[in-house]
Amino acid sequence: EENFLADCLEVIQSGTPYLRPERIALNALSTSSHFVRLL
């Protein structure tokens, strides 16, 4: 889980070869889908 979130955070903070996010908050949150109907 930590590795997955670290990878997501790196993309959000550093961007991709085509885009650097400006509108996405600079954090990566996760929770179990059991707890969230929207997930």
PDB file of all heavy atoms in Angstrom:
ATOM      1  N   GLU A   1       0.831  -1.203   0.000  1.00  0.00           N
ATOM      2  CA  GLU A   1       0.000   0.000   0.000  1.00  0.00           C
ATOM      3  C   GLU A   1       0.865   1.252   0.000  1.00  0.00           C
ATOM      4  O   GLU A   1       0.608   2.207  -0.739  1.00  0.00           O
ATOM      5  CB  GLU A   1      -0.910   0.009   1.225  1.00  0.00           C
ATOM      6  CG  GLU A   1      -1.769   1.264   1.322  1.00  0.00           C
ATOM      7  CD  GLU A   1      -2.553   1.341   2.618  1.00  0.00           C
ATOM      8  OE1 GLU A   1      -2.566   0.345   3.367  1.00  0.00           O
ATOM      9  OE2 GLU A   1      -3.140   2.398   2.880  1.00  0.00           O
ATOM     10  N   GLU A   2       1.886   1.266   0.825  1.00  0.00           N
ATOM     11  CA  GLU A   2       2.752   2.436   0.905  1.00  0.00           C
ATOM     12  C   GLU A   2       3.478   2.685  -0.413  1.00  0.00           C
ATOM     13  O   GLU A   2       3.627   3.836  -0.847  1.00  0.00           O
ATOM     14  CB  GLU A   2       3.741   2.264   2.053  1.00  0.00           C
ATOM     15  CG  GLU A   2       3.076   2.314   3.429  1.00  0.00           C
ATOM     16  CD  GLU A   2       4.055   2.061   4.567  1.00  0.00           C
ATOM     17  OE1 GLU A   2       5.220   1.706   4.271  1.00  0.00           O
ATOM     18  OE2 GLU A   2       3.657   2.221   5.737  1.00  0.00           O
ATOM     19  N   ASN A   3       3.920   1.613  -1.061  1.00  0.00           N
ATOM     20  CA  ASN A   3       4.593   1.770  -2.353  1.00  0.00           C
ATOM     21  C   ASN A   3       3.631   2.301  -3.409  1.00  0.00           C
ATOM     22  O   ASN A   3       3.991   3.156  -4.225  1.00  0.00           O
ATOM     23  CB  ASN A   3       5.187   0.440  -2.807  1.00  0.00           C
ATOM     24  CG  ASN A   3       6.376  -0.002  -1.962  1.00  0.00           C
ATOM     25  OD1 ASN A   3       7.047   0.837  -1.354  1.00  0.00           O
ATOM     26  ND2 ASN A   3       6.625  -1.291  -1.915  1.00  0.00           N
ATOM     27  N   PHE A   4       2.401   1.790  -3.382  1.00  0.00           N
ATOM     28  CA  PHE A   4       1.388   2.251  -4.331  1.00  0.00           C
ATOM     29  C   PHE A   4       1.121   3.743  -4.137  1.00  0.00           C
ATOM     30  O   PHE A   4       1.101   4.519  -5.099  1.00  0.00           O
ATOM     31  CB  PHE A   4       0.111   1.439  -4.140  1.00  0.00           C
ATOM     32  CG  PHE A   4      -1.094   1.987  -4.851  1.00  0.00           C
ATOM     33  CD1 PHE A   4      -1.241   1.813  -6.216  1.00  0.00           C
ATOM     34  CD2 PHE A   4      -2.079   2.680  -4.157  1.00  0.00           C
ATOM     35  CE1 PHE A   4      -2.355   2.319  -6.890  1.00  0.00           C
ATOM     36  CE2 PHE A   4      -3.195   3.181  -4.814  1.00  0.00           C
ATOM     37  CZ  PHE A   4      -3.323   2.998  -6.179  1.00  0.00           C
ATOM     38  N   LEU A   5       0.928   4.158  -2.898  1.00  0.00           N
ATOM     39  CA  LEU A   5       0.650   5.568  -2.622  1.00  0.00           C
ATOM     40  C   LEU A   5       1.842   6.450  -2.972  1.00  0.00           C
ATOM     41  O   LEU A   5       1.678   7.567  -3.463  1.00  0.00           O
ATOM     42  CB  LEU A   5       0.265   5.750  -1.155  1.00  0.00           C
ATOM     43  CG  LEU A   5      -1.111   5.201  -0.757  1.00  0.00           C
ATOM     44  CD1 LEU A   5      -1.323   5.358   0.734  1.00  0.00           C
ATOM     45  CD2 LEU A   5      -2.214   5.904  -1.521  1.00  0.00           C
ATOM     46  N   ALA A   6       3.050   5.945  -2.705  1.00  0.00           N
ATOM     47  CA  ALA A   6       4.242   6.710  -3.047  1.00  0.00           C
ATOM     48  C   ALA A   6       4.331   6.940  -4.554  1.00  0.00           C
ATOM     49  O   ALA A   6       4.687   8.033  -5.018  1.00  0.00           O
ATOM     50  CB  ALA A   6       5.491   5.990  -2.540  1.00  0.00           C
ATOM     51  N   ASP A   7       3.990   5.906  -5.336  1.00  0.00           N
ATOM     52  CA  ASP A   7       4.014   6.048  -6.787  1.00  0.00           C
ATOM     53  C   ASP A   7       2.970   7.066  -7.251  1.00  0.00           C
ATOM     54  O   ASP A   7       3.246   7.908  -8.123  1.00  0.00           O
ATOM     55  CB  ASP A   7       3.748   4.692  -7.458  1.00  0.00           C
ATOM     56  CG  ASP A   7       4.890   3.707  -7.274  1.00  0.00           C
ATOM     57  OD1 ASP A   7       6.009   4.160  -6.974  1.00  0.00           O
ATOM     58  OD2 ASP A   7       4.661   2.495  -7.444  1.00  0.00           O
ATOM     59  N   CYS A   8       1.773   6.997  -6.673  1.00  0.00           N
ATOM     60  CA  CYS A   8       0.726   7.950  -7.036  1.00  0.00           C
ATOM     61  C   CYS A   8       1.120   9.370  -6.668  1.00  0.00           C
ATOM     62  O   CYS A   8       0.911  10.317  -7.443  1.00  0.00           O
ATOM     63  CB  CYS A   8      -0.588   7.576  -6.357  1.00  0.00           C
ATOM     64  SG  CYS A   8      -1.302   6.011  -6.915  1.00  0.00           S
ATOM     65  N   LEU A   9       1.700   9.523  -5.489  1.00  0.00           N
ATOM     66  CA  LEU A   9       2.115  10.850  -5.027  1.00  0.00           C
ATOM     67  C   LEU A   9       3.196  11.431  -5.941  1.00  0.00           C
ATOM     68  O   LEU A   9       3.185  12.624  -6.250  1.00  0.00           O
ATOM     69  CB  LEU A   9       2.624  10.767  -3.591  1.00  0.00           C
ATOM     70  CG  LEU A   9       3.039  12.083  -2.928  1.00  0.00           C
ATOM     71  CD1 LEU A   9       1.857  13.044  -2.876  1.00  0.00           C
ATOM     72  CD2 LEU A   9       3.573  11.822  -1.529  1.00  0.00           C
ATOM     73  N   GLU A  10       4.100  10.581  -6.394  1.00  0.00           N
ATOM     74  CA  GLU A  10       5.163  11.054  -7.291  1.00  0.00           C
ATOM     75  C   GLU A  10       4.577  11.592  -8.593  1.00  0.00           C
ATOM     76  O   GLU A  10       5.002  12.633  -9.101  1.00  0.00           O
ATOM     77  CB  GLU A  10       6.141   9.919  -7.584  1.00  0.00           C
ATOM     78  CG  GLU A  10       7.297  10.347  -8.486  1.00  0.00           C
ATOM     79  CD  GLU A  10       8.284   9.226  -8.746  1.00  0.00           C
ATOM     80  OE1 GLU A  10       8.115   8.132  -8.171  1.00  0.00           O
ATOM     81  OE2 GLU A  10       9.222   9.442  -9.535  1.00  0.00           O
ATOM     82  N   VAL A  11       3.573  10.885  -9.128  1.00  0.00           N
ATOM     83  CA  VAL A  11       2.946  11.352 -10.364  1.00  0.00           C
ATOM     84  C   VAL A  11       2.211  12.673 -10.121  1.00  0.00           C
ATOM     85  O   VAL A  11       2.293  13.603 -10.928  1.00  0.00           O
ATOM     86  CB  VAL A  11       1.977  10.290 -10.918  1.00  0.00           C
ATOM     87  CG1 VAL A  11       1.252  10.832 -12.150  1.00  0.00           C
ATOM     88  CG2 VAL A  11       2.722   9.014 -11.275  1.00  0.00           C
ATOM     89  N   ILE A  12       1.484  12.764  -9.002  1.00  0.00           N
ATOM     90  CA  ILE A  12       0.737  13.986  -8.698  1.00  0.00           C
ATOM     91  C   ILE A  12       1.679  15.175  -8.521  1.00  0.00           C
ATOM     92  O   ILE A  12       1.410  16.285  -8.996  1.00  0.00           O
ATOM     93  CB  ILE A  12      -0.126  13.779  -7.438  1.00  0.00           C
ATOM     94  CG1 ILE A  12      -1.279  12.800  -7.749  1.00  0.00           C
ATOM     95  CG2 ILE A  12      -0.689  15.110  -6.939  1.00  0.00           C
ATOM     96  CD1 ILE A  12      -2.070  12.386  -6.532  1.00  0.00           C
ATOM     97  N   GLN A  13       2.808  14.952  -7.864  1.00  0.00           N
ATOM     98  CA  GLN A  13       3.726  16.050  -7.569  1.00  0.00           C
ATOM     99  C   GLN A  13       4.641  16.386  -8.742  1.00  0.00           C
ATOM    100  O   GLN A  13       4.908  17.564  -9.005  1.00  0.00           O
ATOM    101  CB  GLN A  13       4.567  15.709  -6.339  1.00  0.00           C
ATOM    102  CG  GLN A  13       3.755  15.651  -5.048  1.00  0.00           C
ATOM    103  CD  GLN A  13       4.610  15.361  -3.831  1.00  0.00           C
ATOM    104  OE1 GLN A  13       5.741  14.866  -3.951  1.00  0.00           O
ATOM    105  NE2 GLN A  13       4.095  15.652  -2.658  1.00  0.00           N
ATOM    106  N   SER A  14       5.116  15.360  -9.454  1.00  0.00           N
ATOM    107  CA  SER A  14       6.092  15.583 -10.521  1.00  0.00           C
ATOM    108  C   SER A  14       5.473  15.616 -11.905  1.00  0.00           C
ATOM    109  O   SER A  14       6.084  16.122 -12.847  1.00  0.00           O
ATOM    110  CB  SER A  14       7.171  14.478 -10.474  1.00  0.00           C
ATOM    111  OG  SER A  14       7.813  14.454  -9.215  1.00  0.00           O
ATOM    112  N   GLY A  15       4.288  15.052 -12.029  1.00  0.00           N
ATOM    113  CA  GLY A  15       3.621  15.054 -13.312  1.00  0.00           C
ATOM    114  C   GLY A  15       4.013  13.880 -14.184  1.00  0.00           C
ATOM    115  O   GLY A  15       4.756  12.977 -13.775  1.00  0.00           O
ATOM    116  N   THR A  16       3.493  13.890 -15.389  1.00  0.00           N
ATOM    117  CA  THR A  16       3.784  12.877 -16.394  1.00  0.00           C
ATOM    118  C   THR A  16       4.584  13.554 -17.509  1.00  0.00           C
ATOM    119  O   THR A  16       4.793  14.776 -17.482  1.00  0.00           O
ATOM    120  CB  THR A  16       2.483  12.290 -16.969  1.00  0.00           C
ATOM    121  OG1 THR A  16       1.873  13.255 -17.827  1.00  0.00           O
ATOM    122  CG2 THR A  16       1.517  11.913 -15.848  1.00  0.00           C
ATOM    123  N   PRO A  17       5.030  12.787 -18.503  1.00  0.00           N
ATOM    124  CA  PRO A  17       5.745  13.437 -19.614  1.00  0.00           C
ATOM    125  C   PRO A  17       4.917  14.482 -20.347  1.00  0.00           C
ATOM    126  O   PRO A  17       5.472  15.324 -21.064  1.00  0.00           O
ATOM    127  CB  PRO A  17       6.089  12.260 -20.527  1.00  0.00           C
ATOM    128  CG  PRO A  17       6.190  11.081 -19.614  1.00  0.00           C
ATOM    129  CD  PRO A  17       5.132  11.318 -18.580  1.00  0.00           C
ATOM    130  N   TYR A  18       3.592  14.460 -20.185  1.00  0.00           N
ATOM    131  CA  TYR A  18       2.735  15.367 -20.937  1.00  0.00           C
ATOM    132  C   TYR A  18       2.039  16.419 -20.090  1.00  0.00           C
ATOM    133  O   TYR A  18       1.463  17.364 -20.631  1.00  0.00           O
ATOM    134  CB  TYR A  18       1.660  14.564 -21.682  1.00  0.00           C
ATOM    135  CG  TYR A  18       2.241  13.559 -22.638  1.00  0.00           C
ATOM    136  CD1 TYR A  18       2.321  12.213 -22.288  1.00  0.00           C
ATOM    137  CD2 TYR A  18       2.733  13.948 -23.880  1.00  0.00           C
ATOM    138  CE1 TYR A  18       2.874  11.284 -23.161  1.00  0.00           C
ATOM    139  CE2 TYR A  18       3.283  13.036 -24.755  1.00  0.00           C
ATOM    140  CZ  TYR A  18       3.356  11.698 -24.394  1.00  0.00           C
ATOM    141  OH  TYR A  18       3.907  10.789 -25.254  1.00  0.00           O
ATOM    142  N   LEU A  19       2.070  16.270 -18.763  1.00  0.00           N
ATOM    143  CA  LEU A  19       1.254  17.169 -17.940  1.00  0.00           C
ATOM    144  C   LEU A  19       1.769  17.187 -16.511  1.00  0.00           C
ATOM    145  O   LEU A  19       2.178  16.147 -15.978  1.00  0.00           O
ATOM    146  CB  LEU A  19      -0.202  16.702 -17.981  1.00  0.00           C
ATOM    147  CG  LEU A  19      -1.254  17.453 -17.178  1.00  0.00           C
ATOM    148  CD1 LEU A  19      -2.576  17.417 -17.924  1.00  0.00           C
ATOM    149  CD2 LEU A  19      -1.440  16.794 -15.798  1.00  0.00           C
ATOM    150  N   ARG A  20       1.720  18.373 -15.919  1.00  0.00           N
ATOM    151  CA  ARG A  20       2.018  18.509 -14.493  1.00  0.00           C
ATOM    152  C   ARG A  20       0.759  18.994 -13.789  1.00  0.00           C
ATOM    153  O   ARG A  20       0.275  20.093 -14.061  1.00  0.00           O
ATOM    154  CB  ARG A  20       3.159  19.492 -14.261  1.00  0.00           C
ATOM    155  CG  ARG A  20       3.552  19.590 -12.789  1.00  0.00           C
ATOM    156  CD  ARG A  20       4.851  20.293 -12.596  1.00  0.00           C
ATOM    157  NE  ARG A  20       5.250  20.312 -11.197  1.00  0.00           N
ATOM    158  CZ  ARG A  20       6.439  20.712 -10.760  1.00  0.00           C
ATOM    159  NH1 ARG A  20       7.334  21.149 -11.633  1.00  0.00           N
ATOM    160  NH2 ARG A  20       6.717  20.700  -9.477  1.00  0.00           N
ATOM    161  N   PRO A  21       0.210  18.179 -12.894  1.00  0.00           N
ATOM    162  CA  PRO A  21      -1.057  18.565 -12.239  1.00  0.00           C
ATOM    163  C   PRO A  21      -0.947  19.866 -11.470  1.00  0.00           C
ATOM    164  O   PRO A  21       0.024  20.100 -10.749  1.00  0.00           O
ATOM    165  CB  PRO A  21      -1.328  17.383 -11.295  1.00  0.00           C
ATOM    166  CG  PRO A  21      -0.617  16.232 -11.920  1.00  0.00           C
ATOM    167  CD  PRO A  21       0.634  16.831 -12.508  1.00  0.00           C
ATOM    168  N   GLU A  22      -1.957  20.709 -11.641  1.00  0.00           N
ATOM    169  CA  GLU A  22      -2.067  21.962 -10.905  1.00  0.00           C
ATOM    170  C   GLU A  22      -3.321  21.997 -10.039  1.00  0.00           C
ATOM    171  O   GLU A  22      -3.382  22.727  -9.056  1.00  0.00           O
ATOM    172  CB  GLU A  22      -2.084  23.144 -11.888  1.00  0.00           C
ATOM    173  CG  GLU A  22      -0.846  23.279 -12.747  1.00  0.00           C
ATOM    174  CD  GLU A  22       0.377  23.731 -11.954  1.00  0.00           C
ATOM    175  OE1 GLU A  22       0.187  24.267 -10.841  1.00  0.00           O
ATOM    176  OE2 GLU A  22       1.499  23.547 -12.450  1.00  0.00           O
ATOM    177  N   ARG A  23      -4.317  21.206 -10.410  1.00  0.00           N
ATOM    178  CA  ARG A  23      -5.601  21.235  -9.721  1.00  0.00           C
ATOM    179  C   ARG A  23      -5.770  20.103  -8.716  1.00  0.00           C
ATOM    180  O   ARG A  23      -6.748  20.086  -7.964  1.00  0.00           O
ATOM    181  CB  ARG A  23      -6.741  21.156 -10.749  1.00  0.00           C
ATOM    182  CG  ARG A  23      -6.924  22.405 -11.575  1.00  0.00           C
ATOM    183  CD  ARG A  23      -7.533  23.515 -10.720  1.00  0.00           C
ATOM    184  NE  ARG A  23      -8.034  24.614 -11.513  1.00  0.00           N
ATOM    185  CZ  ARG A  23      -8.785  25.588 -11.038  1.00  0.00           C
ATOM    186  NH1 ARG A  23      -9.144  25.585  -9.768  1.00  0.00           N
ATOM    187  NH2 ARG A  23      -9.183  26.571 -11.806  1.00  0.00           N
ATOM    188  N   ILE A  24      -4.858  19.135  -8.708  1.00  0.00           N
ATOM    189  CA  ILE A  24      -4.944  17.999  -7.795  1.00  0.00           C
ATOM    190  C   ILE A  24      -4.143  18.301  -6.541  1.00  0.00           C
ATOM    191  O   ILE A  24      -2.972  18.699  -6.619  1.00  0.00           O
ATOM    192  CB  ILE A  24      -4.420  16.713  -8.454  1.00  0.00           C
ATOM    193  CG1 ILE A  24      -5.217  16.404  -9.725  1.00  0.00           C
ATOM    194  CG2 ILE A  24      -4.498  15.545  -7.492  1.00  0.00           C
ATOM    195  CD1 ILE A  24      -4.694  15.202 -10.502  1.00  0.00           C
ATOM    196  N   ALA A  25      -4.769  18.143  -5.375  1.00  0.00           N
ATOM    197  CA  ALA A  25      -4.079  18.394  -4.104  1.00  0.00           C
ATOM    198  C   ALA A  25      -2.832  17.532  -4.002  1.00  0.00           C
ATOM    199  O   ALA A  25      -2.817  16.365  -4.419  1.00  0.00           O
ATOM    200  CB  ALA A  25      -5.020  18.104  -2.938  1.00  0.00           C
ATOM    201  N   LEU A  26      -1.758  18.101  -3.445  1.00  0.00           N
ATOM    202  CA  LEU A  26      -0.465  17.426  -3.397  1.00  0.00           C
ATOM    203  C   LEU A  26      -0.397  16.412  -2.262  1.00  0.00           C
ATOM    204  O   LEU A  26       0.446  16.494  -1.358  1.00  0.00           O
ATOM    205  CB  LEU A  26       0.663  18.452  -3.262  1.00  0.00           C
ATOM    206  CG  LEU A  26       0.872  19.351  -4.479  1.00  0.00           C
ATOM    207  CD1 LEU A  26       1.989  20.344  -4.218  1.00  0.00           C
ATOM    208  CD2 LEU A  26       1.200  18.503  -5.705  1.00  0.00           C
ATOM    209  N   ASN A  27      -1.299  15.472  -2.296  1.00  0.00           N
ATOM    210  CA  ASN A  27      -1.249  14.354  -1.351  1.00  0.00           C
ATOM    211  C   ASN A  27      -1.938  13.171  -2.011  1.00  0.00           C
ATOM    212  O   ASN A  27      -2.607  13.317  -3.027  1.00  0.00           O
ATOM    213  CB  ASN A  27      -1.907  14.703  -0.010  1.00  0.00           C
ATOM    214  CG  ASN A  27      -3.268  15.338  -0.185  1.00  0.00           C
ATOM    215  OD1 ASN A  27      -3.991  15.036  -1.125  1.00  0.00           O
ATOM    216  ND2 ASN A  27      -3.628  16.224   0.732  1.00  0.00           N
ATOM    217  N   ALA A  28      -1.718  12.020  -1.446  1.00  0.00           N
ATOM    218  CA  ALA A  28      -2.342  10.809  -1.976  1.00  0.00           C
ATOM    219  C   ALA A  28      -3.027  10.098  -0.816  1.00  0.00           C
ATOM    220  O   ALA A  28      -2.363   9.612   0.107  1.00  0.00           O
ATOM    221  CB  ALA A  28      -1.290   9.898  -2.628  1.00  0.00           C
ATOM    222  N   LEU A  29      -4.344  10.083  -0.838  1.00  0.00           N
ATOM    223  CA  LEU A  29      -5.112   9.493   0.246  1.00  0.00           C
ATOM    224  C   LEU A  29      -5.665   8.147  -0.198  1.00  0.00           C
ATOM    225  O   LEU A  29      -5.990   7.943  -1.365  1.00  0.00           O
ATOM    226  CB  LEU A  29      -6.276  10.402   0.623  1.00  0.00           C
ATOM    227  CG  LEU A  29      -5.935  11.855   0.972  1.00  0.00           C
ATOM    228  CD1 LEU A  29      -7.201  12.621   1.309  1.00  0.00           C
ATOM    229  CD2 LEU A  29      -4.942  11.922   2.109  1.00  0.00           C
ATOM    230  N   SER A  30      -5.763   7.220   0.751  1.00  0.00           N
ATOM    231  CA  SER A  30      -6.380   5.933   0.429  1.00  0.00           C
ATOM    232  C   SER A  30      -7.201   5.455   1.614  1.00  0.00           C
ATOM    233  O   SER A  30      -6.938   5.797   2.758  1.00  0.00           O
ATOM    234  CB  SER A  30      -5.319   4.883   0.079  1.00  0.00           C
ATOM    235  OG  SER A  30      -4.645   4.433   1.234  1.00  0.00           O
ATOM    236  N   THR A  31      -8.207   4.673   1.307  1.00  0.00           N
ATOM    237  CA  THR A  31      -9.015   4.027   2.329  1.00  0.00           C
ATOM    238  C   THR A  31      -9.616   2.781   1.713  1.00  0.00           C
ATOM    239  O   THR A  31      -9.635   2.625   0.489  1.00  0.00           O
ATOM    240  CB  THR A  31     -10.113   4.958   2.853  1.00  0.00           C
ATOM    241  OG1 THR A  31     -10.784   4.339   3.960  1.00  0.00           O
ATOM    242  CG2 THR A  31     -11.150   5.246   1.770  1.00  0.00           C
ATOM    243  N   SER A  32     -10.090   1.886   2.534  1.00  0.00           N
ATOM    244  CA  SER A  32     -10.720   0.679   2.019  1.00  0.00           C
ATOM    245  C   SER A  32     -12.080   1.020   1.421  1.00  0.00           C
ATOM    246  O   SER A  32     -12.859   1.773   2.006  1.00  0.00           O
ATOM    247  CB  SER A  32     -10.904  -0.343   3.143  1.00  0.00           C
ATOM    248  OG  SER A  32     -11.692  -1.437   2.700  1.00  0.00           O
ATOM    249  N   SER A  33     -12.364   0.454   0.276  1.00  0.00           N
ATOM    250  CA  SER A  33     -13.654   0.701  -0.371  1.00  0.00           C
ATOM    251  C   SER A  33     -14.823   0.183   0.461  1.00  0.00           C
ATOM    252  O   SER A  33     -15.971   0.598   0.245  1.00  0.00           O
ATOM    253  CB  SER A  33     -13.681   0.056  -1.756  1.00  0.00           C
ATOM    254  OG  SER A  33     -13.441  -1.336  -1.680  1.00  0.00           O
ATOM    255  N   HIS A  34     -14.565  -0.706   1.438  1.00  0.00           N
ATOM    256  CA  HIS A  34     -15.634  -1.172   2.327  1.00  0.00           C
ATOM    257  C   HIS A  34     -16.310  -0.010   3.051  1.00  0.00           C
ATOM    258  O   HIS A  34     -17.490  -0.080   3.400  1.00  0.00           O
ATOM    259  CB  HIS A  34     -15.074  -2.148   3.378  1.00  0.00           C
ATOM    260  CG  HIS A  34     -14.928  -3.545   2.872  1.00  0.00           C
ATOM    261  ND1 HIS A  34     -13.807  -3.967   2.202  1.00  0.00           N
ATOM    262  CD2 HIS A  34     -15.763  -4.604   2.934  1.00  0.00           C
ATOM    263  CE1 HIS A  34     -13.959  -5.250   1.884  1.00  0.00           C
ATOM    264  NE2 HIS A  34     -15.130  -5.653   2.302  1.00  0.00           N
ATOM    265  N   PHE A  35     -15.555   1.064   3.274  1.00  0.00           N
ATOM    266  CA  PHE A  35     -16.048   2.157   4.100  1.00  0.00           C
ATOM    267  C   PHE A  35     -16.695   3.287   3.301  1.00  0.00           C
ATOM    268  O   PHE A  35     -17.298   4.185   3.898  1.00  0.00           O
ATOM    269  CB  PHE A  35     -14.906   2.746   4.934  1.00  0.00           C
ATOM    270  CG  PHE A  35     -14.185   1.735   5.770  1.00  0.00           C
ATOM    271  CD1 PHE A  35     -12.793   1.694   5.794  1.00  0.00           C
ATOM    272  CD2 PHE A  35     -14.882   0.814   6.535  1.00  0.00           C
ATOM    273  CE1 PHE A  35     -12.120   0.764   6.574  1.00  0.00           C
ATOM    274  CE2 PHE A  35     -14.225  -0.119   7.310  1.00  0.00           C
ATOM    275  CZ  PHE A  35     -12.834  -0.150   7.336  1.00  0.00           C
ATOM    276  N   VAL A  36     -16.560   3.285   1.989  1.00  0.00           N
ATOM    277  CA  VAL A  36     -16.980   4.441   1.192  1.00  0.00           C
ATOM    278  C   VAL A  36     -17.796   3.968  -0.006  1.00  0.00           C
ATOM    279  O   VAL A  36     -17.275   3.309  -0.907  1.00  0.00           O
ATOM    280  CB  VAL A  36     -15.758   5.252   0.700  1.00  0.00           C
ATOM    281  CG1 VAL A  36     -16.223   6.506  -0.051  1.00  0.00           C
ATOM    282  CG2 VAL A  36     -14.854   5.643   1.867  1.00  0.00           C
ATOM    283  N   ARG A  37     -19.066   4.310  -0.013  1.00  0.00           N
ATOM    284  CA  ARG A  37     -19.933   3.900  -1.118  1.00  0.00           C
ATOM    285  C   ARG A  37     -19.513   4.550  -2.429  1.00  0.00           C
ATOM    286  O   ARG A  37     -19.699   3.974  -3.506  1.00  0.00           O
ATOM    287  CB  ARG A  37     -21.389   4.261  -0.804  1.00  0.00           C
ATOM    288  CG  ARG A  37     -21.985   3.526   0.395  1.00  0.00           C
ATOM    289  CD  ARG A  37     -22.015   2.029   0.191  1.00  0.00           C
ATOM    290  NE  ARG A  37     -22.743   1.332   1.264  1.00  0.00           N
ATOM    291  CZ  ARG A  37     -22.734   0.021   1.437  1.00  0.00           C
ATOM    292  NH1 ARG A  37     -22.039  -0.747   0.601  1.00  0.00           N
ATOM    293  NH2 ARG A  37     -23.424  -0.527   2.423  1.00  0.00           N
ATOM    294  N   LEU A  38     -18.947   5.734  -2.386  1.00  0.00           N
ATOM    295  CA  LEU A  38     -18.517   6.395  -3.611  1.00  0.00           C
ATOM    296  C   LEU A  38     -17.353   5.649  -4.265  1.00  0.00           C
ATOM    297  O   LEU A  38     -17.263   5.599  -5.497  1.00  0.00           O
ATOM    298  CB  LEU A  38     -18.142   7.849  -3.327  1.00  0.00           C
ATOM    299  CG  LEU A  38     -19.300   8.747  -2.884  1.00  0.00           C
ATOM    300  CD1 LEU A  38     -18.804  10.142  -2.557  1.00  0.00           C
ATOM    301  CD2 LEU A  38     -20.390   8.802  -3.942  1.00  0.00           C
ATOM    302  N   LEU A  39     -16.455   5.077  -3.467  1.00  0.00           N
ATOM    303  CA  LEU A  39     -15.391   4.252  -4.043  1.00  0.00           C
ATOM    304  C   LEU A  39     -15.972   2.990  -4.677  1.00  0.00           C
ATOM    305  O   LEU A  39     -15.494   2.520  -5.715  1.00  0.00           O
ATOM    306  CB  LEU A  39     -14.362   3.867  -2.974  1.00  0.00           C
ATOM    307  CG  LEU A  39     -13.313   4.909  -2.631  1.00  0.00           C
ATOM    308  CD1 LEU A  39     -12.425   4.412  -1.486  1.00  0.00           C
ATOM    309  CD2 LEU A  39     -12.451   5.245  -3.842  1.00  0.00           C
TER     310      LEU A  39
END
